[in-house]
């Protein structure tokens, strides 16, 4: 995939993570939970073809981050999740890390 396509896909993955919905749970979601939700959401979009491992990398970045459990759980469980200003501040550095580490845009 060309860097331009990756650059265009990054905001899409971030948006999907922020609006993801899934099964209810408690505590910190697993990499598998986050990856599954992102994969399901991307599967319904035409023309999105990410390299293998990209969504796993993004999910791992979220799980391994310093983000508290609550917004991560909302990413998985809440349809149309809109983060608060505080949650956005927590998510922004992780999105930047995902751009560099998972999409090789650094």
PDB file of N, CA and C in Angstrom:
ATOM      1  N   UNK A   1       0.849  -1.164   0.000  1.00  0.00           N
ATOM      2  CA  UNK A   1       0.000   0.000   0.000  1.00  0.00           C
ATOM      3  C   UNK A   1       0.898   1.230   0.000  1.00  0.00           C
ATOM      4  N   UNK A   2       0.557   2.194  -0.772  1.00  0.00           N
ATOM      5  CA  UNK A   2       1.336   3.411  -0.856  1.00  0.00           C
ATOM      6  C   UNK A   2       1.150   4.242   0.408  1.00  0.00           C
ATOM      7  N   UNK A   3       2.164   5.091   0.698  1.00  0.00           N
ATOM      8  CA  UNK A   3       2.074   5.927   1.895  1.00  0.00           C
ATOM      9  C   UNK A   3       0.848   6.820   1.871  1.00  0.00           C
ATOM     10  N   UNK A   4       0.451   7.297   0.690  1.00  0.00           N
ATOM     11  CA  UNK A   4      -0.733   8.142   0.605  1.00  0.00           C
ATOM     12  C   UNK A   4      -1.957   7.376   1.075  1.00  0.00           C
ATOM     13  N   UNK A   5      -2.090   6.124   0.660  1.00  0.00           N
ATOM     14  CA  UNK A   5      -3.234   5.313   1.088  1.00  0.00           C
ATOM     15  C   UNK A   5      -3.194   5.078   2.591  1.00  0.00           C
ATOM     16  N   UNK A   6      -1.988   4.844   3.123  1.00  0.00           N
ATOM     17  CA  UNK A   6      -1.867   4.662   4.566  1.00  0.00           C
ATOM     18  C   UNK A   6      -2.238   5.944   5.295  1.00  0.00           C
ATOM     19  N   UNK A   7      -1.798   7.076   4.754  1.00  0.00           N
ATOM     20  CA  UNK A   7      -2.107   8.363   5.363  1.00  0.00           C
ATOM     21  C   UNK A   7      -3.616   8.592   5.404  1.00  0.00           C
ATOM     22  N   UNK A   8      -4.301   8.202   4.343  1.00  0.00           N
ATOM     23  CA  UNK A   8      -5.754   8.361   4.290  1.00  0.00           C
ATOM     24  C   UNK A   8      -6.459   7.369   5.210  1.00  0.00           C
ATOM     25  N   UNK A   9      -5.857   6.196   5.413  1.00  0.00           N
ATOM     26  CA  UNK A   9      -6.480   5.171   6.250  1.00  0.00           C
ATOM     27  C   UNK A   9      -6.338   5.474   7.735  1.00  0.00           C
ATOM     28  N   UNK A  10      -5.278   6.166   8.135  1.00  0.00           N
ATOM     29  CA  UNK A  10      -5.060   6.427   9.554  1.00  0.00           C
ATOM     30  C   UNK A  10      -6.226   7.141  10.219  1.00  0.00           C
ATOM     31  N   UNK A  11      -6.713   8.264   9.671  1.00  0.00           N
ATOM     32  CA  UNK A  11      -7.855   8.909  10.320  1.00  0.00           C
ATOM     33  C   UNK A  11      -9.078   7.998  10.367  1.00  0.00           C
ATOM     34  N   UNK A  12      -9.224   7.156   9.367  1.00  0.00           N
ATOM     35  CA  UNK A  12     -10.345   6.232   9.334  1.00  0.00           C
ATOM     36  C   UNK A  12     -10.258   5.244  10.493  1.00  0.00           C
ATOM     37  N   UNK A  13      -9.075   4.677  10.723  1.00  0.00           N
ATOM     38  CA  UNK A  13      -8.900   3.736  11.831  1.00  0.00           C
ATOM     39  C   UNK A  13      -9.139   4.437  13.161  1.00  0.00           C
ATOM     40  N   UNK A  14      -8.604   5.645  13.307  1.00  0.00           N
ATOM     41  CA  UNK A  14      -8.823   6.397  14.551  1.00  0.00           C
ATOM     42  C   UNK A  14     -10.307   6.677  14.753  1.00  0.00           C
ATOM     43  N   UNK A  15     -10.986   7.066  13.690  1.00  0.00           N
ATOM     44  CA  UNK A  15     -12.418   7.353  13.793  1.00  0.00           C
ATOM     45  C   UNK A  15     -13.203   6.098  14.140  1.00  0.00           C
ATOM     46  N   UNK A  16     -12.816   4.977  13.549  1.00  0.00           N
ATOM     47  CA  UNK A  16     -13.493   3.722  13.863  1.00  0.00           C
ATOM     48  C   UNK A  16     -13.272   3.332  15.310  1.00  0.00           C
ATOM     49  N   UNK A  17     -12.058   3.531  15.765  1.00  0.00           N
ATOM     50  CA  UNK A  17     -11.784   3.215  17.160  1.00  0.00           C
ATOM     51  C   UNK A  17     -12.616   4.088  18.080  1.00  0.00           C
ATOM     52  N   UNK A  18     -12.801   5.335  17.701  1.00  0.00           N
ATOM     53  CA  UNK A  18     -13.562   6.256  18.531  1.00  0.00           C
ATOM     54  C   UNK A  18     -15.055   6.039  18.439  1.00  0.00           C
ATOM     55  N   UNK A  19     -15.526   5.361  17.396  1.00  0.00           N
ATOM     56  CA  UNK A  19     -16.966   5.148  17.259  1.00  0.00           C
ATOM     57  C   UNK A  19     -17.328   3.676  17.288  1.00  0.00           C
ATOM     58  N   UNK A  20     -16.394   2.854  17.726  1.00  0.00           N
ATOM     59  CA  UNK A  20     -16.593   1.403  17.708  1.00  0.00           C
ATOM     60  C   UNK A  20     -17.684   0.981  18.678  1.00  0.00           C
ATOM     61  N   UNK A  21     -18.303  -0.131  18.348  1.00  0.00           N
ATOM     62  CA  UNK A  21     -19.243  -0.723  19.289  1.00  0.00           C
ATOM     63  C   UNK A  21     -18.985  -2.209  19.330  1.00  0.00           C
ATOM     64  N   UNK A  22     -19.288  -2.820  20.442  1.00  0.00           N
ATOM     65  CA  UNK A  22     -19.031  -4.241  20.578  1.00  0.00           C
ATOM     66  C   UNK A  22     -19.805  -4.783  21.758  1.00  0.00           C
ATOM     67  N   UNK A  23     -19.402  -5.969  22.196  1.00  0.00           N
ATOM     68  CA  UNK A  23     -20.063  -6.595  23.316  1.00  0.00           C
ATOM     69  C   UNK A  23     -19.671  -5.928  24.622  1.00  0.00           C
ATOM     70  N   UNK A  24     -20.585  -5.920  25.572  1.00  0.00           N
ATOM     71  CA  UNK A  24     -20.312  -5.307  26.860  1.00  0.00           C
ATOM     72  C   UNK A  24     -19.262  -6.082  27.632  1.00  0.00           C
ATOM     73  N   UNK A  25     -18.483  -5.392  28.380  1.00  0.00           N
ATOM     74  CA  UNK A  25     -17.460  -6.001  29.203  1.00  0.00           C
ATOM     75  C   UNK A  25     -17.099  -5.046  30.316  1.00  0.00           C
ATOM     76  N   UNK A  26     -16.087  -5.431  31.067  1.00  0.00           N
ATOM     77  CA  UNK A  26     -15.622  -4.544  32.116  1.00  0.00           C
ATOM     78  C   UNK A  26     -14.107  -4.574  32.134  1.00  0.00           C
ATOM     79  N   UNK A  27     -13.528  -3.562  32.711  1.00  0.00           N
ATOM     80  CA  UNK A  27     -12.078  -3.481  32.770  1.00  0.00           C
ATOM     81  C   UNK A  27     -11.480  -3.107  31.432  1.00  0.00           C
ATOM     82  N   UNK A  28     -10.179  -3.264  31.335  1.00  0.00           N
ATOM     83  CA  UNK A  28      -9.453  -2.910  30.125  1.00  0.00           C
ATOM     84  C   UNK A  28      -9.743  -3.923  29.025  1.00  0.00           C
ATOM     85  N   UNK A  29     -10.130  -3.456  27.835  1.00  0.00           N
ATOM     86  CA  UNK A  29     -10.372  -4.400  26.745  1.00  0.00           C
ATOM     87  C   UNK A  29      -9.052  -5.005  26.271  1.00  0.00           C
ATOM     88  N   UNK A  30      -9.154  -6.152  25.669  1.00  0.00           N
ATOM     89  CA  UNK A  30      -7.958  -6.831  25.154  1.00  0.00           C
ATOM     90  C   UNK A  30      -7.629  -6.324  23.748  1.00  0.00           C
ATOM     91  N   UNK A  31      -6.428  -6.642  23.316  1.00  0.00           N
ATOM     92  CA  UNK A  31      -6.023  -6.334  21.941  1.00  0.00           C
ATOM     93  C   UNK A  31      -7.008  -6.981  20.977  1.00  0.00           C
ATOM     94  N   UNK A  32      -7.378  -8.228  21.253  1.00  0.00           N
ATOM     95  CA  UNK A  32      -8.310  -8.939  20.376  1.00  0.00           C
ATOM     96  C   UNK A  32      -9.660  -8.242  20.285  1.00  0.00           C
ATOM     97  N   UNK A  33     -10.169  -7.738  21.413  1.00  0.00           N
ATOM     98  CA  UNK A  33     -11.460  -7.038  21.395  1.00  0.00           C
ATOM     99  C   UNK A  33     -11.395  -5.794  20.521  1.00  0.00           C
ATOM    100  N   UNK A  34     -10.359  -4.978  20.729  1.00  0.00           N
ATOM    101  CA  UNK A  34     -10.228  -3.754  19.937  1.00  0.00           C
ATOM    102  C   UNK A  34     -10.006  -4.061  18.462  1.00  0.00           C
ATOM    103  N   UNK A  35      -9.143  -5.029  18.184  1.00  0.00           N
ATOM    104  CA  UNK A  35      -8.870  -5.385  16.785  1.00  0.00           C
ATOM    105  C   UNK A  35     -10.130  -5.909  16.110  1.00  0.00           C
ATOM    106  N   UNK A  36     -10.901  -6.731  16.816  1.00  0.00           N
ATOM    107  CA  UNK A  36     -12.130  -7.292  16.244  1.00  0.00           C
ATOM    108  C   UNK A  36     -13.115  -6.191  15.863  1.00  0.00           C
ATOM    109  N   UNK A  37     -13.308  -5.224  16.747  1.00  0.00           N
ATOM    110  CA  UNK A  37     -14.244  -4.138  16.478  1.00  0.00           C
ATOM    111  C   UNK A  37     -13.776  -3.321  15.274  1.00  0.00           C
ATOM    112  N   UNK A  38     -12.478  -2.993  15.235  1.00  0.00           N
ATOM    113  CA  UNK A  38     -11.957  -2.215  14.108  1.00  0.00           C
ATOM    114  C   UNK A  38     -12.072  -3.004  12.804  1.00  0.00           C
ATOM    115  N   UNK A  39     -11.798  -4.303  12.853  1.00  0.00           N
ATOM    116  CA  UNK A  39     -11.893  -5.155  11.665  1.00  0.00           C
ATOM    117  C   UNK A  39     -13.334  -5.223  11.159  1.00  0.00           C
ATOM    118  N   UNK A  40     -14.284  -5.387  12.082  1.00  0.00           N
ATOM    119  CA  UNK A  40     -15.695  -5.438  11.694  1.00  0.00           C
ATOM    120  C   UNK A  40     -16.128  -4.131  11.047  1.00  0.00           C
ATOM    121  N   UNK A  41     -15.708  -3.015  11.606  1.00  0.00           N
ATOM    122  CA  UNK A  41     -16.090  -1.721  11.060  1.00  0.00           C
ATOM    123  C   UNK A  41     -15.451  -1.498   9.691  1.00  0.00           C
ATOM    124  N   UNK A  42     -14.174  -1.843   9.539  1.00  0.00           N
ATOM    125  CA  UNK A  42     -13.499  -1.663   8.257  1.00  0.00           C
ATOM    126  C   UNK A  42     -14.016  -2.615   7.197  1.00  0.00           C
ATOM    127  N   UNK A  43     -14.491  -3.783   7.617  1.00  0.00           N
ATOM    128  CA  UNK A  43     -15.000  -4.765   6.670  1.00  0.00           C
ATOM    129  C   UNK A  43     -16.196  -4.269   5.888  1.00  0.00           C
ATOM    130  N   UNK A  44     -16.905  -3.297   6.442  1.00  0.00           N
ATOM    131  CA  UNK A  44     -18.086  -2.777   5.756  1.00  0.00           C
ATOM    132  C   UNK A  44     -17.746  -1.621   4.818  1.00  0.00           C
ATOM    133  N   UNK A  45     -16.481  -1.236   4.745  1.00  0.00           N
ATOM    134  CA  UNK A  45     -16.074  -0.117   3.898  1.00  0.00           C
ATOM    135  C   UNK A  45     -15.342  -0.620   2.663  1.00  0.00           C
ATOM    136  N   UNK A  46     -15.749  -0.137   1.519  1.00  0.00           N
ATOM    137  CA  UNK A  46     -15.107  -0.542   0.268  1.00  0.00           C
ATOM    138  C   UNK A  46     -13.823   0.247   0.065  1.00  0.00           C
ATOM    139  N   UNK A  47     -12.845  -0.400  -0.543  1.00  0.00           N
ATOM    140  CA  UNK A  47     -11.613   0.272  -0.925  1.00  0.00           C
ATOM    141  C   UNK A  47     -10.592   0.448   0.187  1.00  0.00           C
ATOM    142  N   UNK A  48     -10.855  -0.104   1.364  1.00  0.00           N
ATOM    143  CA  UNK A  48      -9.894  -0.009   2.461  1.00  0.00           C
ATOM    144  C   UNK A  48      -9.147  -1.337   2.534  1.00  0.00           C
ATOM    145  N   UNK A  49      -7.858  -1.263   2.243  1.00  0.00           N
ATOM    146  CA  UNK A  49      -7.029  -2.460   2.246  1.00  0.00           C
ATOM    147  C   UNK A  49      -5.755  -2.156   3.018  1.00  0.00           C
ATOM    148  N   UNK A  50      -5.751  -2.507   4.293  1.00  0.00           N
ATOM    149  CA  UNK A  50      -4.600  -2.239   5.136  1.00  0.00           C
ATOM    150  C   UNK A  50      -3.664  -3.441   5.151  1.00  0.00           C
ATOM    151  N   UNK A  51      -2.357  -3.199   5.266  1.00  0.00           N
ATOM    152  CA  UNK A  51      -1.422  -4.319   5.375  1.00  0.00           C
ATOM    153  C   UNK A  51      -1.745  -5.181   6.595  1.00  0.00           C
ATOM    154  N   UNK A  52      -1.474  -6.466   6.479  1.00  0.00           N
ATOM    155  CA  UNK A  52      -1.723  -7.393   7.575  1.00  0.00           C
ATOM    156  C   UNK A  52      -0.996  -6.914   8.827  1.00  0.00           C
ATOM    157  N   UNK A  53      -1.667  -6.969   9.940  1.00  0.00           N
ATOM    158  CA  UNK A  53      -1.078  -6.596  11.211  1.00  0.00           C
ATOM    159  C   UNK A  53      -1.286  -5.140  11.601  1.00  0.00           C
ATOM    160  N   UNK A  54      -1.807  -4.318  10.685  1.00  0.00           N
ATOM    161  CA  UNK A  54      -1.975  -2.894  10.976  1.00  0.00           C
ATOM    162  C   UNK A  54      -2.973  -2.670  12.109  1.00  0.00           C
ATOM    163  N   UNK A  55      -4.117  -3.322  12.048  1.00  0.00           N
ATOM    164  CA  UNK A  55      -5.127  -3.116  13.091  1.00  0.00           C
ATOM    165  C   UNK A  55      -4.701  -3.745  14.406  1.00  0.00           C
ATOM    166  N   UNK A  56      -4.002  -4.864  14.343  1.00  0.00           N
ATOM    167  CA  UNK A  56      -3.477  -5.469  15.574  1.00  0.00           C
ATOM    168  C   UNK A  56      -2.494  -4.506  16.232  1.00  0.00           C
ATOM    169  N   UNK A  57      -1.635  -3.893  15.433  1.00  0.00           N
ATOM    170  CA  UNK A  57      -0.681  -2.910  15.933  1.00  0.00           C
ATOM    171  C   UNK A  57      -1.408  -1.736  16.589  1.00  0.00           C
ATOM    172  N   UNK A  58      -2.445  -1.245  15.937  1.00  0.00           N
ATOM    173  CA  UNK A  58      -3.213  -0.114  16.477  1.00  0.00           C
ATOM    174  C   UNK A  58      -3.890  -0.507  17.788  1.00  0.00           C
ATOM    175  N   UNK A  59      -4.503  -1.684  17.820  1.00  0.00           N
ATOM    176  CA  UNK A  59      -5.169  -2.149  19.033  1.00  0.00           C
ATOM    177  C   UNK A  59      -4.161  -2.317  20.169  1.00  0.00           C
ATOM    178  N   UNK A  60      -3.001  -2.877  19.862  1.00  0.00           N
ATOM    179  CA  UNK A  60      -1.955  -3.063  20.876  1.00  0.00           C
ATOM    180  C   UNK A  60      -1.487  -1.713  21.406  1.00  0.00           C
ATOM    181  N   UNK A  61      -1.356  -0.728  20.533  1.00  0.00           N
ATOM    182  CA  UNK A  61      -0.940   0.610  20.978  1.00  0.00           C
ATOM    183  C   UNK A  61      -1.943   1.182  21.976  1.00  0.00           C
ATOM    184  N   UNK A  62      -3.228   0.991  21.718  1.00  0.00           N
ATOM    185  CA  UNK A  62      -4.246   1.466  22.656  1.00  0.00           C
ATOM    186  C   UNK A  62      -4.148   0.727  23.990  1.00  0.00           C
ATOM    187  N   UNK A  63      -4.058  -0.596  23.945  1.00  0.00           N
ATOM    188  CA  UNK A  63      -4.027  -1.395  25.170  1.00  0.00           C
ATOM    189  C   UNK A  63      -2.763  -1.127  25.985  1.00  0.00           C
ATOM    190  N   UNK A  64      -1.631  -0.972  25.320  1.00  0.00           N
ATOM    191  CA  UNK A  64      -0.357  -0.754  26.016  1.00  0.00           C
ATOM    192  C   UNK A  64      -0.149   0.691  26.464  1.00  0.00           C
ATOM    193  N   UNK A  65      -1.049   1.567  26.102  1.00  0.00           N
ATOM    194  CA  UNK A  65      -0.901   2.990  26.413  1.00  0.00           C
ATOM    195  C   UNK A  65      -1.241   3.283  27.874  1.00  0.00           C
ATOM    196  N   UNK A  66      -1.053   4.533  28.233  1.00  0.00           N
ATOM    197  CA  UNK A  66      -1.411   5.004  29.573  1.00  0.00           C
ATOM    198  C   UNK A  66      -2.864   5.451  29.662  1.00  0.00           C
ATOM    199  N   UNK A  67      -3.630   5.269  28.598  1.00  0.00           N
ATOM    200  CA  UNK A  67      -5.051   5.626  28.614  1.00  0.00           C
ATOM    201  C   UNK A  67      -5.738   4.803  29.696  1.00  0.00           C
ATOM    202  N   UNK A  68      -6.590   5.446  30.456  1.00  0.00           N
ATOM    203  CA  UNK A  68      -7.316   4.724  31.495  1.00  0.00           C
ATOM    204  C   UNK A  68      -8.282   3.720  30.865  1.00  0.00           C
ATOM    205  N   UNK A  69      -8.706   2.758  31.652  1.00  0.00           N
ATOM    206  CA  UNK A  69      -9.571   1.687  31.157  1.00  0.00           C
ATOM    207  C   UNK A  69     -10.913   2.193  30.634  1.00  0.00           C
ATOM    208  N   UNK A  70     -11.481   3.193  31.290  1.00  0.00           N
ATOM    209  CA  UNK A  70     -12.835   3.640  30.943  1.00  0.00           C
ATOM    210  C   UNK A  70     -12.977   4.084  29.483  1.00  0.00           C
ATOM    211  N   UNK A  71     -12.133   4.992  28.965  1.00  0.00           N
ATOM    212  CA  UNK A  71     -12.319   5.355  27.560  1.00  0.00           C
ATOM    213  C   UNK A  71     -12.015   4.206  26.607  1.00  0.00           C
ATOM    214  N   UNK A  72     -11.079   3.341  26.969  1.00  0.00           N
ATOM    215  CA  UNK A  72     -10.814   2.177  26.108  1.00  0.00           C
ATOM    216  C   UNK A  72     -12.021   1.247  26.067  1.00  0.00           C
ATOM    217  N   UNK A  73     -12.664   1.057  27.208  1.00  0.00           N
ATOM    218  CA  UNK A  73     -13.857   0.207  27.252  1.00  0.00           C
ATOM    219  C   UNK A  73     -14.968   0.847  26.426  1.00  0.00           C
ATOM    220  N   UNK A  74     -15.073   2.188  26.483  1.00  0.00           N
ATOM    221  CA  UNK A  74     -16.076   2.890  25.677  1.00  0.00           C
ATOM    222  C   UNK A  74     -15.810   2.704  24.187  1.00  0.00           C
ATOM    223  N   UNK A  75     -14.531   2.651  23.806  1.00  0.00           N
ATOM    224  CA  UNK A  75     -14.195   2.434  22.400  1.00  0.00           C
ATOM    225  C   UNK A  75     -14.801   1.133  21.896  1.00  0.00           C
ATOM    226  N   UNK A  76     -14.844   0.139  22.773  1.00  0.00           N
ATOM    227  CA  UNK A  76     -15.345  -1.183  22.384  1.00  0.00           C
ATOM    228  C   UNK A  76     -16.853  -1.284  22.544  1.00  0.00           C
ATOM    229  N   UNK A  77     -17.402  -0.687  23.601  1.00  0.00           N
ATOM    230  CA  UNK A  77     -18.794  -0.957  23.975  1.00  0.00           C
ATOM    231  C   UNK A  77     -19.829   0.077  23.566  1.00  0.00           C
ATOM    232  N   UNK A  78     -19.422   1.284  23.232  1.00  0.00           N
ATOM    233  CA  UNK A  78     -20.396   2.358  23.064  1.00  0.00           C
ATOM    234  C   UNK A  78     -20.526   2.781  21.611  1.00  0.00           C
ATOM    235  N   UNK A  79     -21.701   2.556  21.030  1.00  0.00           N
ATOM    236  CA  UNK A  79     -21.921   3.053  19.672  1.00  0.00           C
ATOM    237  C   UNK A  79     -21.804   4.579  19.658  1.00  0.00           C
ATOM    238  N   UNK A  80     -21.177   5.086  18.619  1.00  0.00           N
ATOM    239  CA  UNK A  80     -21.039   6.532  18.448  1.00  0.00           C
ATOM    240  C   UNK A  80     -20.389   7.220  19.642  1.00  0.00           C
ATOM    241  N   UNK A  81     -19.403   6.557  20.226  1.00  0.00           N
ATOM    242  CA  UNK A  81     -18.666   7.134  21.351  1.00  0.00           C
ATOM    243  C   UNK A  81     -18.023   8.442  20.935  1.00  0.00           C
ATOM    244  N   UNK A  82     -18.295   9.496  21.686  1.00  0.00           N
ATOM    245  CA  UNK A  82     -17.658  10.785  21.482  1.00  0.00           C
ATOM    246  C   UNK A  82     -16.845  11.072  22.735  1.00  0.00           C
ATOM    247  N   UNK A  83     -15.523  11.087  22.592  1.00  0.00           N
ATOM    248  CA  UNK A  83     -14.698  11.279  23.786  1.00  0.00           C
ATOM    249  C   UNK A  83     -14.841  12.692  24.355  1.00  0.00           C
ATOM    250  N   UNK A  84     -14.698  12.775  25.670  1.00  0.00           N
ATOM    251  CA  UNK A  84     -14.666  14.077  26.328  1.00  0.00           C
ATOM    252  C   UNK A  84     -13.342  14.756  25.976  1.00  0.00           C
ATOM    253  N   UNK A  85     -13.195  16.002  26.342  1.00  0.00           N
ATOM    254  CA  UNK A  85     -11.943  16.721  26.097  1.00  0.00           C
ATOM    255  C   UNK A  85     -10.784  16.007  26.793  1.00  0.00           C
ATOM    256  N   UNK A  86     -11.019  15.522  27.997  1.00  0.00           N
ATOM    257  CA  UNK A  86      -9.979  14.801  28.741  1.00  0.00           C
ATOM    258  C   UNK A  86      -9.615  13.492  28.035  1.00  0.00           C
ATOM    259  N   UNK A  87     -10.625  12.770  27.580  1.00  0.00           N
ATOM    260  CA  UNK A  87     -10.376  11.510  26.863  1.00  0.00           C
ATOM    261  C   UNK A  87      -9.643  11.773  25.552  1.00  0.00           C
ATOM    262  N   UNK A  88     -10.015  12.836  24.851  1.00  0.00           N
ATOM    263  CA  UNK A  88      -9.335  13.199  23.612  1.00  0.00           C
ATOM    264  C   UNK A  88      -7.868  13.491  23.886  1.00  0.00           C
ATOM    265  N   UNK A  89      -7.590  14.176  24.983  1.00  0.00           N
ATOM    266  CA  UNK A  89      -6.207  14.468  25.352  1.00  0.00           C
ATOM    267  C   UNK A  89      -5.434  13.174  25.610  1.00  0.00           C
ATOM    268  N   UNK A  90      -6.100  12.173  26.186  1.00  0.00           N
ATOM    269  CA  UNK A  90      -5.461  10.877  26.415  1.00  0.00           C
ATOM    270  C   UNK A  90      -5.236  10.128  25.103  1.00  0.00           C
ATOM    271  N   UNK A  91      -6.190  10.210  24.193  1.00  0.00           N
ATOM    272  CA  UNK A  91      -6.134   9.438  22.947  1.00  0.00           C
ATOM    273  C   UNK A  91      -5.175  10.028  21.923  1.00  0.00           C
ATOM    274  N   UNK A  92      -4.989  11.324  21.911  1.00  0.00           N
ATOM    275  CA  UNK A  92      -4.180  11.976  20.879  1.00  0.00           C
ATOM    276  C   UNK A  92      -2.755  11.443  20.782  1.00  0.00           C
ATOM    277  N   UNK A  93      -2.002  11.332  21.890  1.00  0.00           N
ATOM    278  CA  UNK A  93      -0.636  10.810  21.756  1.00  0.00           C
ATOM    279  C   UNK A  93      -0.603   9.371  21.224  1.00  0.00           C
ATOM    280  N   UNK A  94      -1.619   8.596  21.566  1.00  0.00           N
ATOM    281  CA  UNK A  94      -1.669   7.213  21.078  1.00  0.00           C
ATOM    282  C   UNK A  94      -1.930   7.202  19.584  1.00  0.00           C
ATOM    283  N   UNK A  95      -2.838   8.062  19.115  1.00  0.00           N
ATOM    284  CA  UNK A  95      -3.086   8.153  17.675  1.00  0.00           C
ATOM    285  C   UNK A  95      -1.816   8.562  16.935  1.00  0.00           C
ATOM    286  N   UNK A  96      -1.046   9.464  17.526  1.00  0.00           N
ATOM    287  CA  UNK A  96       0.220   9.876  16.907  1.00  0.00           C
ATOM    288  C   UNK A  96       1.207   8.715  16.866  1.00  0.00           C
ATOM    289  N   UNK A  97       1.264   7.925  17.939  1.00  0.00           N
ATOM    290  CA  UNK A  97       2.143   6.750  17.972  1.00  0.00           C
ATOM    291  C   UNK A  97       1.702   5.721  16.934  1.00  0.00           C
ATOM    292  N   UNK A  98       0.405   5.553  16.776  1.00  0.00           N
ATOM    293  CA  UNK A  98      -0.114   4.609  15.772  1.00  0.00           C
ATOM    294  C   UNK A  98       0.301   5.045  14.380  1.00  0.00           C
ATOM    295  N   UNK A  99       0.246   6.335  14.117  1.00  0.00           N
ATOM    296  CA  UNK A  99       0.653   6.848  12.800  1.00  0.00           C
ATOM    297  C   UNK A  99       2.096   6.476  12.495  1.00  0.00           C
ATOM    298  N   UNK A 100       2.950   6.596  13.503  1.00  0.00           N
ATOM    299  CA  UNK A 100       4.364   6.314  13.327  1.00  0.00           C
ATOM    300  C   UNK A 100       4.664   4.826  13.306  1.00  0.00           C
ATOM    301  N   UNK A 101       4.115   4.098  14.269  1.00  0.00           N
ATOM    302  CA  UNK A 101       4.477   2.696  14.449  1.00  0.00           C
ATOM    303  C   UNK A 101       3.691   1.728  13.560  1.00  0.00           C
ATOM    304  N   UNK A 102       2.428   1.999  13.364  1.00  0.00           N
ATOM    305  CA  UNK A 102       1.579   1.045  12.646  1.00  0.00           C
ATOM    306  C   UNK A 102       1.398   1.377  11.174  1.00  0.00           C
ATOM    307  N   UNK A 103       1.469   2.665  10.850  1.00  0.00           N
ATOM    308  CA  UNK A 103       1.261   3.095   9.479  1.00  0.00           C
ATOM    309  C   UNK A 103       2.538   3.603   8.824  1.00  0.00           C
ATOM    310  N   UNK A 104       3.621   3.575   9.581  1.00  0.00           N
ATOM    311  CA  UNK A 104       4.931   4.003   9.076  1.00  0.00           C
ATOM    312  C   UNK A 104       4.866   5.384   8.451  1.00  0.00           C
ATOM    313  N   UNK A 105       4.229   6.320   9.151  1.00  0.00           N
ATOM    314  CA  UNK A 105       4.093   7.686   8.627  1.00  0.00           C
ATOM    315  C   UNK A 105       5.008   8.659   9.367  1.00  0.00           C
ATOM    316  N   UNK A 106       5.888   8.141  10.215  1.00  0.00           N
ATOM    317  CA  UNK A 106       6.738   9.000  11.026  1.00  0.00           C
ATOM    318  C   UNK A 106       7.871   9.620  10.284  1.00  0.00           C
TER     319      UNK A 106
END
